[in-house]
Amino acid sequence: MFESTWSADETADTLKVNGEGIRLGGLTENEFIVLDTTATDHATGEVLKGEFKWVYTRVNQPTKTAYTQLLGRWQLQKRFQEQDGQWVEVTQDMPDYCAREYDMRGSCALYTLTGDKFETKRYSGCVGEIAKWGEPADILSQWDICSQARVEIRLCFEDENTVHIYHPDNYDSEAEKMVPGGHKDVFVRMK
């Protein structure tokens, strides 16, 4: 409606949008009800006759899914290993630079620089495949284009700009639970 030309006739309970009249069944702070005598069956294209009512409700900020929270580029800040029930920072095998980039097409690129060796890995099929896993993480299932294999990573958002990504050594898939001694990486959103 922001991009349309419209006017209201409160005495006739109608709204004109781009020259077409719409009968209002109600209008409140959170609901907008439209009445009509025709509707189109989108499966067949048939125009149906009768009394039809469409109820629109106000939508505030949409709830972000785990995948939409991931969109953008993330840089590796720290790596941890679980030791005696505590997460201890480790620097062994830490690359000089590491970033993950997620896009709306459901793709992820992993960029790693170690010494003078730069490597890029690409994953696809991420959209809509984050399944609730429970504490402390969700599962992101993605297709590794290079190895042609399905890869699952577990992740947990600390806040909107920090995500913990757990290595596969953290999870026993047969027992379906976290195991001690695993690793996790902490990524922060790049602005």
C-alpha atoms as a PDB file:
ATOM      1  CA  MET A   1       0.000   0.000   0.000  1.00  0.00           C
ATOM      2  CA  PHE A   2       2.970   2.325   0.469  1.00  0.00           C
ATOM      3  CA  GLU A   3       3.564   2.323  -3.294  1.00  0.00           C
ATOM      4  CA  SER A   4      -0.104   2.586  -4.290  1.00  0.00           C
ATOM      5  CA  THR A   5      -2.447   5.516  -4.706  1.00  0.00           C
ATOM      6  CA  TRP A   6      -5.300   5.045  -2.285  1.00  0.00           C
ATOM      7  CA  SER A   7      -8.132   6.842  -0.528  1.00  0.00           C
ATOM      8  CA  ALA A   8     -10.760   5.830   2.024  1.00  0.00           C
ATOM      9  CA  ASP A   9     -14.512   6.434   2.106  1.00  0.00           C
ATOM     10  CA  GLU A  10     -15.377   5.859   5.754  1.00  0.00           C
ATOM     11  CA  THR A  11     -19.139   6.334   5.250  1.00  0.00           C
ATOM     12  CA  ALA A  12     -19.274   3.527   2.637  1.00  0.00           C
ATOM     13  CA  ASP A  13     -16.616   1.370   4.379  1.00  0.00           C
ATOM     14  CA  THR A  14     -14.553   1.213   1.211  1.00  0.00           C
ATOM     15  CA  LEU A  15     -10.968   1.762   0.287  1.00  0.00           C
ATOM     16  CA  LYS A  16      -9.881   2.730  -3.223  1.00  0.00           C
ATOM     17  CA  VAL A  17      -6.482   1.371  -4.211  1.00  0.00           C
ATOM     18  CA  ASN A  18      -5.229   2.369  -7.677  1.00  0.00           C
ATOM     19  CA  GLY A  19      -8.806   3.179  -8.684  1.00  0.00           C
ATOM     20  CA  GLU A  20     -10.329  -0.134  -7.555  1.00  0.00           C
ATOM     21  CA  GLY A  21     -12.829  -0.227  -4.683  1.00  0.00           C
ATOM     22  CA  ILE A  22     -12.255  -2.626  -1.803  1.00  0.00           C
ATOM     23  CA  ARG A  23     -15.011  -3.324   0.736  1.00  0.00           C
ATOM     24  CA  LEU A  24     -13.735  -3.213   4.290  1.00  0.00           C
ATOM     25  CA  GLY A  25     -15.040  -5.718   6.826  1.00  0.00           C
ATOM     26  CA  GLY A  26     -13.053  -4.158   9.609  1.00  0.00           C
ATOM     27  CA  LEU A  27      -9.997  -2.132  10.389  1.00  0.00           C
ATOM     28  CA  THR A  28      -8.219  -2.075  13.728  1.00  0.00           C
ATOM     29  CA  GLU A  29      -4.714  -1.331  14.890  1.00  0.00           C
ATOM     30  CA  ASN A  30      -3.719  -4.941  14.143  1.00  0.00           C
ATOM     31  CA  GLU A  31      -6.269  -6.241  11.587  1.00  0.00           C
ATOM     32  CA  PHE A  32      -7.314  -5.273   8.080  1.00  0.00           C
ATOM     33  CA  ILE A  33     -10.366  -7.233   6.800  1.00  0.00           C
ATOM     34  CA  VAL A  34     -11.292  -7.195   3.113  1.00  0.00           C
ATOM     35  CA  LEU A  35     -14.686  -8.425   1.795  1.00  0.00           C
ATOM     36  CA  ASP A  36     -15.441  -9.449  -1.795  1.00  0.00           C
ATOM     37  CA  THR A  37     -18.000 -11.369  -3.852  1.00  0.00           C
ATOM     38  CA  THR A  38     -15.441 -13.032  -6.136  1.00  0.00           C
ATOM     39  CA  ALA A  39     -12.211 -14.958  -5.623  1.00  0.00           C
ATOM     40  CA  THR A  40      -9.871 -16.747  -7.977  1.00  0.00           C
ATOM     41  CA  ASP A  41      -8.954 -20.409  -7.544  1.00  0.00           C
ATOM     42  CA  HIS A  42      -5.216 -20.156  -8.262  1.00  0.00           C
ATOM     43  CA  ALA A  43      -4.944 -23.875  -9.044  1.00  0.00           C
ATOM     44  CA  THR A  44      -7.546 -23.773 -11.862  1.00  0.00           C
ATOM     45  CA  GLY A  45      -7.834 -20.065 -12.640  1.00  0.00           C
ATOM     46  CA  GLU A  46     -11.614 -20.302 -12.120  1.00  0.00           C
ATOM     47  CA  VAL A  47     -13.364 -17.192 -10.792  1.00  0.00           C
ATOM     48  CA  LEU A  48     -15.591 -18.171  -7.886  1.00  0.00           C
ATOM     49  CA  LYS A  49     -18.730 -16.302  -6.787  1.00  0.00           C
ATOM     50  CA  GLY A  50     -19.802 -15.993  -3.153  1.00  0.00           C
ATOM     51  CA  GLU A  51     -18.981 -14.071   0.015  1.00  0.00           C
ATOM     52  CA  PHE A  52     -15.252 -14.029   0.741  1.00  0.00           C
ATOM     53  CA  LYS A  53     -13.295 -12.479   3.565  1.00  0.00           C
ATOM     54  CA  TRP A  54      -9.513 -11.981   3.824  1.00  0.00           C
ATOM     55  CA  VAL A  55      -8.100 -11.116   7.239  1.00  0.00           C
ATOM     56  CA  TYR A  56      -4.675  -9.491   7.245  1.00  0.00           C
ATOM     57  CA  THR A  57      -2.851  -9.057  10.520  1.00  0.00           C
ATOM     58  CA  ARG A  58      -0.031  -6.704  11.366  1.00  0.00           C
ATOM     59  CA  VAL A  59       3.365  -8.307  11.305  1.00  0.00           C
ATOM     60  CA  ASN A  60       6.042  -6.729  13.387  1.00  0.00           C
ATOM     61  CA  GLN A  61       9.674  -7.671  12.945  1.00  0.00           C
ATOM     62  CA  PRO A  62       9.664 -11.153  11.404  1.00  0.00           C
ATOM     63  CA  THR A  63      11.311 -13.857  13.466  1.00  0.00           C
ATOM     64  CA  LYS A  64      14.748 -14.616  12.107  1.00  0.00           C
ATOM     65  CA  THR A  65      15.583 -18.226  11.429  1.00  0.00           C
ATOM     66  CA  ALA A  66      19.024 -19.530  12.279  1.00  0.00           C
ATOM     67  CA  TYR A  67      19.921 -19.361   8.570  1.00  0.00           C
ATOM     68  CA  THR A  68      18.790 -15.750   8.103  1.00  0.00           C
ATOM     69  CA  GLN A  69      20.828 -14.860  11.195  1.00  0.00           C
ATOM     70  CA  LEU A  70      23.864 -16.364   9.430  1.00  0.00           C
ATOM     71  CA  LEU A  71      23.567 -14.281   6.247  1.00  0.00           C
ATOM     72  CA  GLY A  72      26.706 -12.274   5.560  1.00  0.00           C
ATOM     73  CA  ARG A  73      30.406 -12.732   6.256  1.00  0.00           C
ATOM     74  CA  TRP A  74      31.802 -14.053   9.542  1.00  0.00           C
ATOM     75  CA  GLN A  75      35.455 -14.013  10.630  1.00  0.00           C
ATOM     76  CA  LEU A  76      37.066 -16.583  12.915  1.00  0.00           C
ATOM     77  CA  GLN A  77      38.162 -14.960  16.176  1.00  0.00           C
ATOM     78  CA  LYS A  78      39.035 -17.832  18.510  1.00  0.00           C
ATOM     79  CA  ARG A  79      39.187 -21.618  18.703  1.00  0.00           C
ATOM     80  CA  PHE A  80      38.446 -23.600  21.876  1.00  0.00           C
ATOM     81  CA  GLN A  81      38.836 -27.177  23.082  1.00  0.00           C
ATOM     82  CA  GLU A  82      36.813 -28.675  25.877  1.00  0.00           C
ATOM     83  CA  GLN A  83      39.078 -29.794  28.714  1.00  0.00           C
ATOM     84  CA  ASP A  84      37.680 -31.109  31.997  1.00  0.00           C
ATOM     85  CA  GLY A  85      34.284 -29.583  31.246  1.00  0.00           C
ATOM     86  CA  GLN A  86      35.690 -26.114  30.465  1.00  0.00           C
ATOM     87  CA  TRP A  87      36.265 -24.426  27.101  1.00  0.00           C
ATOM     88  CA  VAL A  88      39.971 -23.522  26.870  1.00  0.00           C
ATOM     89  CA  GLU A  89      41.307 -21.314  24.060  1.00  0.00           C
ATOM     90  CA  VAL A  90      43.773 -23.080  21.746  1.00  0.00           C
ATOM     91  CA  THR A  91      45.939 -21.617  18.991  1.00  0.00           C
ATOM     92  CA  GLN A  92      47.317 -24.856  17.503  1.00  0.00           C
ATOM     93  CA  ASP A  93      46.271 -25.332  13.843  1.00  0.00           C
ATOM     94  CA  MET A  94      44.712 -21.859  13.841  1.00  0.00           C
ATOM     95  CA  PRO A  95      44.779 -20.301  10.346  1.00  0.00           C
ATOM     96  CA  ASP A  96      46.096 -16.761   9.806  1.00  0.00           C
ATOM     97  CA  TYR A  97      42.670 -15.817   8.450  1.00  0.00           C
ATOM     98  CA  CYS A  98      39.384 -17.694   8.197  1.00  0.00           C
ATOM     99  CA  ALA A  99      35.941 -16.449   7.155  1.00  0.00           C
ATOM    100  CA  ARG A 100      32.582 -17.969   6.269  1.00  0.00           C
ATOM    101  CA  GLU A 101      30.143 -16.204   3.967  1.00  0.00           C
ATOM    102  CA  TYR A 102      26.465 -17.228   3.717  1.00  0.00           C
ATOM    103  CA  ASP A 103      24.140 -15.899   1.010  1.00  0.00           C
ATOM    104  CA  MET A 104      20.399 -15.923   0.214  1.00  0.00           C
ATOM    105  CA  ARG A 105      20.865 -18.658  -2.405  1.00  0.00           C
ATOM    106  CA  GLY A 106      21.747 -21.095   0.380  1.00  0.00           C
ATOM    107  CA  SER A 107      25.450 -21.145  -0.404  1.00  0.00           C
ATOM    108  CA  CYS A 108      28.374 -20.868   1.968  1.00  0.00           C
ATOM    109  CA  ALA A 109      31.989 -20.094   1.095  1.00  0.00           C
ATOM    110  CA  LEU A 110      34.766 -20.874   3.560  1.00  0.00           C
ATOM    111  CA  TYR A 111      37.946 -18.832   3.026  1.00  0.00           C
ATOM    112  CA  THR A 112      41.159 -19.889   4.789  1.00  0.00           C
ATOM    113  CA  LEU A 113      44.655 -18.413   4.674  1.00  0.00           C
ATOM    114  CA  THR A 114      47.531 -20.285   6.331  1.00  0.00           C
ATOM    115  CA  GLY A 115      50.959 -18.863   5.576  1.00  0.00           C
ATOM    116  CA  ASP A 116      50.928 -18.261   1.821  1.00  0.00           C
ATOM    117  CA  LYS A 117      48.269 -20.924   1.096  1.00  0.00           C
ATOM    118  CA  PHE A 118      44.782 -19.551   0.411  1.00  0.00           C
ATOM    119  CA  GLU A 119      41.922 -22.052   0.159  1.00  0.00           C
ATOM    120  CA  THR A 120      38.241 -21.670  -0.690  1.00  0.00           C
ATOM    121  CA  LYS A 121      35.601 -24.338   0.000  1.00  0.00           C
ATOM    122  CA  ARG A 122      32.058 -23.982  -1.240  1.00  0.00           C
ATOM    123  CA  TYR A 123      28.893 -25.474   0.198  1.00  0.00           C
ATOM    124  CA  SER A 124      25.341 -25.357  -1.106  1.00  0.00           C
ATOM    125  CA  GLY A 125      21.877 -26.382  -0.012  1.00  0.00           C
ATOM    126  CA  CYS A 126      21.899 -24.538   3.305  1.00  0.00           C
ATOM    127  CA  VAL A 127      18.574 -22.707   2.981  1.00  0.00           C
ATOM    128  CA  GLY A 128      15.807 -24.199   5.048  1.00  0.00           C
ATOM    129  CA  GLU A 129      17.950 -27.029   6.306  1.00  0.00           C
ATOM    130  CA  ILE A 130      18.705 -25.825   9.794  1.00  0.00           C
ATOM    131  CA  ALA A 131      16.947 -28.238  12.109  1.00  0.00           C
ATOM    132  CA  LYS A 132      16.444 -27.671  15.811  1.00  0.00           C
ATOM    133  CA  TRP A 133      18.959 -29.858  17.572  1.00  0.00           C
ATOM    134  CA  GLY A 134      18.593 -28.715  21.131  1.00  0.00           C
ATOM    135  CA  GLU A 135      21.169 -27.520  23.600  1.00  0.00           C
ATOM    136  CA  PRO A 136      23.553 -26.067  22.879  1.00  0.00           C
ATOM    137  CA  ALA A 137      23.206 -25.805  19.105  1.00  0.00           C
ATOM    138  CA  ASP A 138      21.188 -26.083  15.900  1.00  0.00           C
ATOM    139  CA  ILE A 139      22.262 -28.254  12.973  1.00  0.00           C
ATOM    140  CA  LEU A 140      23.120 -26.670   9.629  1.00  0.00           C
ATOM    141  CA  SER A 141      23.108 -29.340   6.946  1.00  0.00           C
ATOM    142  CA  GLN A 142      24.961 -28.313   3.802  1.00  0.00           C
ATOM    143  CA  TRP A 143      26.330 -29.943   0.641  1.00  0.00           C
ATOM    144  CA  ASP A 144      30.123 -29.756   0.233  1.00  0.00           C
ATOM    145  CA  ILE A 145      30.575 -29.067  -3.487  1.00  0.00           C
ATOM    146  CA  CYS A 146      34.278 -30.044  -3.396  1.00  0.00           C
ATOM    147  CA  SER A 147      33.948 -33.447  -1.702  1.00  0.00           C
ATOM    148  CA  GLN A 148      30.381 -34.074  -2.963  1.00  0.00           C
ATOM    149  CA  ALA A 149      29.214 -35.001   0.538  1.00  0.00           C
ATOM    150  CA  ARG A 150      26.633 -33.816   3.046  1.00  0.00           C
ATOM    151  CA  VAL A 151      28.233 -31.928   5.951  1.00  0.00           C
ATOM    152  CA  GLU A 152      26.495 -31.107   9.212  1.00  0.00           C
ATOM    153  CA  ILE A 153      27.733 -28.385  11.503  1.00  0.00           C
ATOM    154  CA  ARG A 154      26.326 -27.478  14.857  1.00  0.00           C
ATOM    155  CA  LEU A 155      26.038 -23.837  15.770  1.00  0.00           C
ATOM    156  CA  CYS A 156      24.869 -21.655  18.603  1.00  0.00           C
ATOM    157  CA  PHE A 157      24.349 -17.872  18.535  1.00  0.00           C
ATOM    158  CA  GLU A 158      25.821 -16.016  21.486  1.00  0.00           C
ATOM    159  CA  ASP A 159      24.207 -12.830  20.153  1.00  0.00           C
ATOM    160  CA  GLU A 160      23.329 -11.471  16.690  1.00  0.00           C
ATOM    161  CA  ASN A 161      26.999 -10.831  15.882  1.00  0.00           C
ATOM    162  CA  THR A 162      28.682 -13.884  17.449  1.00  0.00           C
ATOM    163  CA  VAL A 163      28.204 -17.539  16.525  1.00  0.00           C
ATOM    164  CA  HIS A 164      29.864 -20.651  17.963  1.00  0.00           C
ATOM    165  CA  ILE A 165      30.447 -23.382  15.359  1.00  0.00           C
ATOM    166  CA  TYR A 166      31.149 -26.818  16.802  1.00  0.00           C
ATOM    167  CA  HIS A 167      33.541 -29.264  15.065  1.00  0.00           C
ATOM    168  CA  PRO A 168      32.260 -32.778  14.237  1.00  0.00           C
ATOM    169  CA  ASP A 169      34.415 -34.193  17.077  1.00  0.00           C
ATOM    170  CA  ASN A 170      31.881 -32.672  19.519  1.00  0.00           C
ATOM    171  CA  TYR A 171      29.008 -34.933  18.591  1.00  0.00           C
ATOM    172  CA  ASP A 172      28.295 -38.658  18.771  1.00  0.00           C
ATOM    173  CA  SER A 173      25.752 -39.209  15.988  1.00  0.00           C
ATOM    174  CA  GLU A 174      24.818 -42.719  17.180  1.00  0.00           C
ATOM    175  CA  ALA A 175      24.066 -41.518  20.725  1.00  0.00           C
ATOM    176  CA  GLU A 176      22.794 -38.159  19.358  1.00  0.00           C
ATOM    177  CA  LYS A 177      24.560 -36.122  22.050  1.00  0.00           C
ATOM    178  CA  MET A 178      27.552 -33.875  22.688  1.00  0.00           C
ATOM    179  CA  VAL A 179      30.764 -35.602  23.753  1.00  0.00           C
ATOM    180  CA  PRO A 180      33.601 -34.150  25.850  1.00  0.00           C
ATOM    181  CA  GLY A 181      36.951 -33.126  24.380  1.00  0.00           C
ATOM    182  CA  GLY A 182      35.649 -31.516  21.200  1.00  0.00           C
ATOM    183  CA  HIS A 183      36.486 -28.207  19.543  1.00  0.00           C
ATOM    184  CA  LYS A 184      34.502 -25.112  18.625  1.00  0.00           C
ATOM    185  CA  ASP A 185      35.242 -21.939  16.676  1.00  0.00           C
ATOM    186  CA  VAL A 186      33.884 -18.506  17.534  1.00  0.00           C
ATOM    187  CA  PHE A 187      33.048 -16.301  14.543  1.00  0.00           C
ATOM    188  CA  VAL A 188      32.036 -12.636  14.624  1.00  0.00           C
ATOM    189  CA  ARG A 189      30.027 -10.842  11.956  1.00  0.00           C
ATOM    190  CA  MET A 190      32.119  -8.696   9.625  1.00  0.00           C
ATOM    191  CA  LYS A 191      30.636  -5.254   8.968  1.00  0.00           C
END
